[in-house]
Amino acid sequence: MFESMIFLKIAAILFLFLTLALSIIVVNFFKLQKRGWNFADIAFPLFAFEFYLISDKAYYSSLIPHLTFSLSVLAIGLCLFFLLQKRQFNYKRFFKVFWRAGFILTFLMYLALVIAVLTL
């Protein structure tokens, strides 16, 4: 039990750095900047998957519903922002902003999860 918790803590920290490094390498290697992609576009689903893996192993149940709820609130907030402030709604712009803001939200939640796992 103790060894598996140490392994989980090490894996959580390694996932944090390896995901960012892998995303940057993939974007640079395949020259995805020309298509408007950056590392956040690739790291977002990876962090969501890692959030599921680490939270499922560290706690009795996964914290993925919390992430899903947070992303839903983000989507509603962005819709309201585009409709009330900009007075127009462009699907392409919405999905791009949602994807990038979702990366920031998922990264911060994963960082909080790593800190919580390290305190166990």
C-alpha atoms as a PDB file:
ATOM      1  CA  MET A   1       0.000   0.000   0.000  1.00  0.00           C
ATOM      2  CA  PHE A   2       2.734   2.452   0.972  1.00  0.00           C
ATOM      3  CA  GLU A   3       4.821   1.695  -2.115  1.00  0.00           C
ATOM      4  CA  SER A   4       1.861   2.160  -4.431  1.00  0.00           C
ATOM      5  CA  MET A   5       1.143   5.579  -2.914  1.00  0.00           C
ATOM      6  CA  ILE A   6       4.736   6.676  -3.460  1.00  0.00           C
ATOM      7  CA  PHE A   7       4.513   5.442  -7.049  1.00  0.00           C
ATOM      8  CA  LEU A   8       1.261   7.386  -7.508  1.00  0.00           C
ATOM      9  CA  LYS A   9       2.859  10.582  -6.207  1.00  0.00           C
ATOM     10  CA  ILE A  10       5.840  10.195  -8.526  1.00  0.00           C
ATOM     11  CA  ALA A  11       3.589   9.391 -11.482  1.00  0.00           C
ATOM     12  CA  ALA A  12       1.388  12.425 -10.800  1.00  0.00           C
ATOM     13  CA  ILE A  13       4.393  14.751 -10.826  1.00  0.00           C
ATOM     14  CA  LEU A  14       5.936  13.111 -13.895  1.00  0.00           C
ATOM     15  CA  PHE A  15       2.648  13.305 -15.816  1.00  0.00           C
ATOM     16  CA  LEU A  16       2.611  17.041 -15.179  1.00  0.00           C
ATOM     17  CA  PHE A  17       5.946  17.675 -16.865  1.00  0.00           C
ATOM     18  CA  LEU A  18       5.871  14.908 -19.470  1.00  0.00           C
ATOM     19  CA  THR A  19       2.487  15.960 -20.830  1.00  0.00           C
ATOM     20  CA  LEU A  20       3.646  19.515 -21.409  1.00  0.00           C
ATOM     21  CA  ALA A  21       6.939  18.364 -22.920  1.00  0.00           C
ATOM     22  CA  LEU A  22       5.264  15.796 -25.168  1.00  0.00           C
ATOM     23  CA  SER A  23       2.690  18.324 -26.373  1.00  0.00           C
ATOM     24  CA  ILE A  24       5.349  20.888 -27.233  1.00  0.00           C
ATOM     25  CA  ILE A  25       7.437  18.271 -29.048  1.00  0.00           C
ATOM     26  CA  VAL A  26       4.465  17.022 -31.091  1.00  0.00           C
ATOM     27  CA  VAL A  27       3.427  20.551 -32.097  1.00  0.00           C
ATOM     28  CA  ASN A  28       6.964  21.453 -33.151  1.00  0.00           C
ATOM     29  CA  PHE A  29       7.703  18.138 -34.872  1.00  0.00           C
ATOM     30  CA  PHE A  30       4.544  18.111 -36.995  1.00  0.00           C
ATOM     31  CA  LYS A  31       4.629  21.914 -37.475  1.00  0.00           C
ATOM     32  CA  LEU A  32       1.087  22.306 -36.189  1.00  0.00           C
ATOM     33  CA  GLN A  33       1.574  26.039 -35.573  1.00  0.00           C
ATOM     34  CA  LYS A  34       0.879  26.567 -39.272  1.00  0.00           C
ATOM     35  CA  ARG A  35      -2.608  25.148 -38.736  1.00  0.00           C
ATOM     36  CA  GLY A  36      -3.233  27.343 -35.689  1.00  0.00           C
ATOM     37  CA  TRP A  37      -2.559  24.692 -33.058  1.00  0.00           C
ATOM     38  CA  ASN A  38      -0.439  25.108 -29.967  1.00  0.00           C
ATOM     39  CA  PHE A  39       0.619  22.774 -27.174  1.00  0.00           C
ATOM     40  CA  ALA A  40      -2.568  23.431 -25.177  1.00  0.00           C
ATOM     41  CA  ASP A  41      -4.687  21.866 -27.914  1.00  0.00           C
ATOM     42  CA  ILE A  42      -2.912  18.541 -27.444  1.00  0.00           C
ATOM     43  CA  ALA A  43      -2.314  18.725 -23.683  1.00  0.00           C
ATOM     44  CA  PHE A  44      -5.975  19.374 -22.790  1.00  0.00           C
ATOM     45  CA  PRO A  45      -7.330  15.850 -23.444  1.00  0.00           C
ATOM     46  CA  LEU A  46      -4.158  14.321 -22.008  1.00  0.00           C
ATOM     47  CA  PHE A  47      -4.553  16.224 -18.743  1.00  0.00           C
ATOM     48  CA  ALA A  48      -8.228  15.234 -18.575  1.00  0.00           C
ATOM     49  CA  PHE A  49      -7.270  11.560 -18.972  1.00  0.00           C
ATOM     50  CA  GLU A  50      -4.487  11.867 -16.405  1.00  0.00           C
ATOM     51  CA  PHE A  51      -6.882  13.629 -14.040  1.00  0.00           C
ATOM     52  CA  TYR A  52      -9.123  10.581 -14.272  1.00  0.00           C
ATOM     53  CA  LEU A  53      -6.253   8.121 -13.760  1.00  0.00           C
ATOM     54  CA  ILE A  54      -4.722   9.818 -10.738  1.00  0.00           C
ATOM     55  CA  SER A  55      -7.990  10.706  -9.006  1.00  0.00           C
ATOM     56  CA  ASP A  56      -9.361   7.190  -9.509  1.00  0.00           C
ATOM     57  CA  LYS A  57      -6.297   5.616  -7.908  1.00  0.00           C
ATOM     58  CA  ALA A  58      -5.914   8.150  -5.083  1.00  0.00           C
ATOM     59  CA  TYR A  59      -9.554   8.319  -3.964  1.00  0.00           C
ATOM     60  CA  TYR A  60     -12.444   5.889  -3.711  1.00  0.00           C
ATOM     61  CA  SER A  61     -14.056   7.296  -6.827  1.00  0.00           C
ATOM     62  CA  SER A  62     -12.853   9.419  -9.687  1.00  0.00           C
ATOM     63  CA  LEU A  63     -13.128  13.196  -9.572  1.00  0.00           C
ATOM     64  CA  ILE A  64     -14.014  13.372 -13.265  1.00  0.00           C
ATOM     65  CA  PRO A  65     -17.603  14.554 -12.505  1.00  0.00           C
ATOM     66  CA  HIS A  66     -16.093  17.630 -10.837  1.00  0.00           C
ATOM     67  CA  LEU A  67     -14.028  18.333 -13.937  1.00  0.00           C
ATOM     68  CA  THR A  68     -17.047  17.791 -16.188  1.00  0.00           C
ATOM     69  CA  PHE A  69     -19.156  20.151 -14.088  1.00  0.00           C
ATOM     70  CA  SER A  70     -16.416  22.799 -14.144  1.00  0.00           C
ATOM     71  CA  LEU A  71     -16.085  22.544 -17.925  1.00  0.00           C
ATOM     72  CA  SER A  72     -19.875  22.808 -18.270  1.00  0.00           C
ATOM     73  CA  VAL A  73     -19.937  25.981 -16.174  1.00  0.00           C
ATOM     74  CA  LEU A  74     -17.080  27.318 -18.299  1.00  0.00           C
ATOM     75  CA  ALA A  75     -19.031  26.599 -21.501  1.00  0.00           C
ATOM     76  CA  ILE A  76     -22.152  28.326 -20.177  1.00  0.00           C
ATOM     77  CA  GLY A  77     -20.084  31.304 -19.047  1.00  0.00           C
ATOM     78  CA  LEU A  78     -18.419  31.601 -22.452  1.00  0.00           C
ATOM     79  CA  CYS A  79     -21.780  31.387 -24.217  1.00  0.00           C
ATOM     80  CA  LEU A  80     -23.136  34.174 -22.040  1.00  0.00           C
ATOM     81  CA  PHE A  81     -20.007  36.240 -22.632  1.00  0.00           C
ATOM     82  CA  PHE A  82     -20.239  35.910 -26.406  1.00  0.00           C
ATOM     83  CA  LEU A  83     -23.964  36.609 -26.470  1.00  0.00           C
ATOM     84  CA  LEU A  84     -24.062  39.494 -23.992  1.00  0.00           C
ATOM     85  CA  GLN A  85     -20.746  41.253 -24.649  1.00  0.00           C
ATOM     86  CA  LYS A  86     -20.035  40.550 -28.293  1.00  0.00           C
ATOM     87  CA  ARG A  87     -23.692  40.332 -29.431  1.00  0.00           C
ATOM     88  CA  GLN A  88     -22.788  37.518 -31.800  1.00  0.00           C
ATOM     89  CA  PHE A  89     -22.025  33.840 -31.526  1.00  0.00           C
ATOM     90  CA  ASN A  90     -19.491  32.204 -33.798  1.00  0.00           C
ATOM     91  CA  TYR A  91     -19.142  28.448 -33.285  1.00  0.00           C
ATOM     92  CA  LYS A  92     -15.563  28.306 -34.499  1.00  0.00           C
ATOM     93  CA  ARG A  93     -14.481  31.091 -32.162  1.00  0.00           C
ATOM     94  CA  PHE A  94     -16.441  29.578 -29.251  1.00  0.00           C
ATOM     95  CA  PHE A  95     -14.840  26.153 -29.602  1.00  0.00           C
ATOM     96  CA  LYS A  96     -11.352  27.617 -29.915  1.00  0.00           C
ATOM     97  CA  VAL A  97     -11.769  29.800 -26.822  1.00  0.00           C
ATOM     98  CA  PHE A  98     -13.456  26.951 -24.931  1.00  0.00           C
ATOM     99  CA  TRP A  99     -10.662  24.534 -25.815  1.00  0.00           C
ATOM    100  CA  ARG A 100      -7.937  26.925 -24.669  1.00  0.00           C
ATOM    101  CA  ALA A 101      -9.803  27.999 -21.518  1.00  0.00           C
ATOM    102  CA  GLY A 102     -10.629  24.352 -20.838  1.00  0.00           C
ATOM    103  CA  PHE A 103      -6.918  23.591 -20.947  1.00  0.00           C
ATOM    104  CA  ILE A 104      -6.207  26.259 -18.336  1.00  0.00           C
ATOM    105  CA  LEU A 105      -9.037  25.001 -16.119  1.00  0.00           C
ATOM    106  CA  THR A 106      -8.006  21.361 -16.482  1.00  0.00           C
ATOM    107  CA  PHE A 107      -4.353  22.209 -15.853  1.00  0.00           C
ATOM    108  CA  LEU A 108      -5.220  24.098 -12.666  1.00  0.00           C
ATOM    109  CA  MET A 109      -7.497  21.306 -11.450  1.00  0.00           C
ATOM    110  CA  TYR A 110      -4.809  18.720 -12.210  1.00  0.00           C
ATOM    111  CA  LEU A 111      -2.264  20.842 -10.363  1.00  0.00           C
ATOM    112  CA  ALA A 112      -4.620  21.000  -7.363  1.00  0.00           C
ATOM    113  CA  LEU A 113      -5.058  17.227  -7.583  1.00  0.00           C
ATOM    114  CA  VAL A 114      -1.284  16.708  -7.588  1.00  0.00           C
ATOM    115  CA  ILE A 115      -0.930  18.926  -4.522  1.00  0.00           C
ATOM    116  CA  ALA A 116      -3.744  17.005  -2.802  1.00  0.00           C
ATOM    117  CA  VAL A 117      -2.143  13.663  -3.664  1.00  0.00           C
ATOM    118  CA  LEU A 118       1.216  14.845  -2.338  1.00  0.00           C
ATOM    119  CA  THR A 119      -0.375  15.689   1.014  1.00  0.00           C
ATOM    120  CA  LEU A 120      -1.856  12.189   1.429  1.00  0.00           C
END
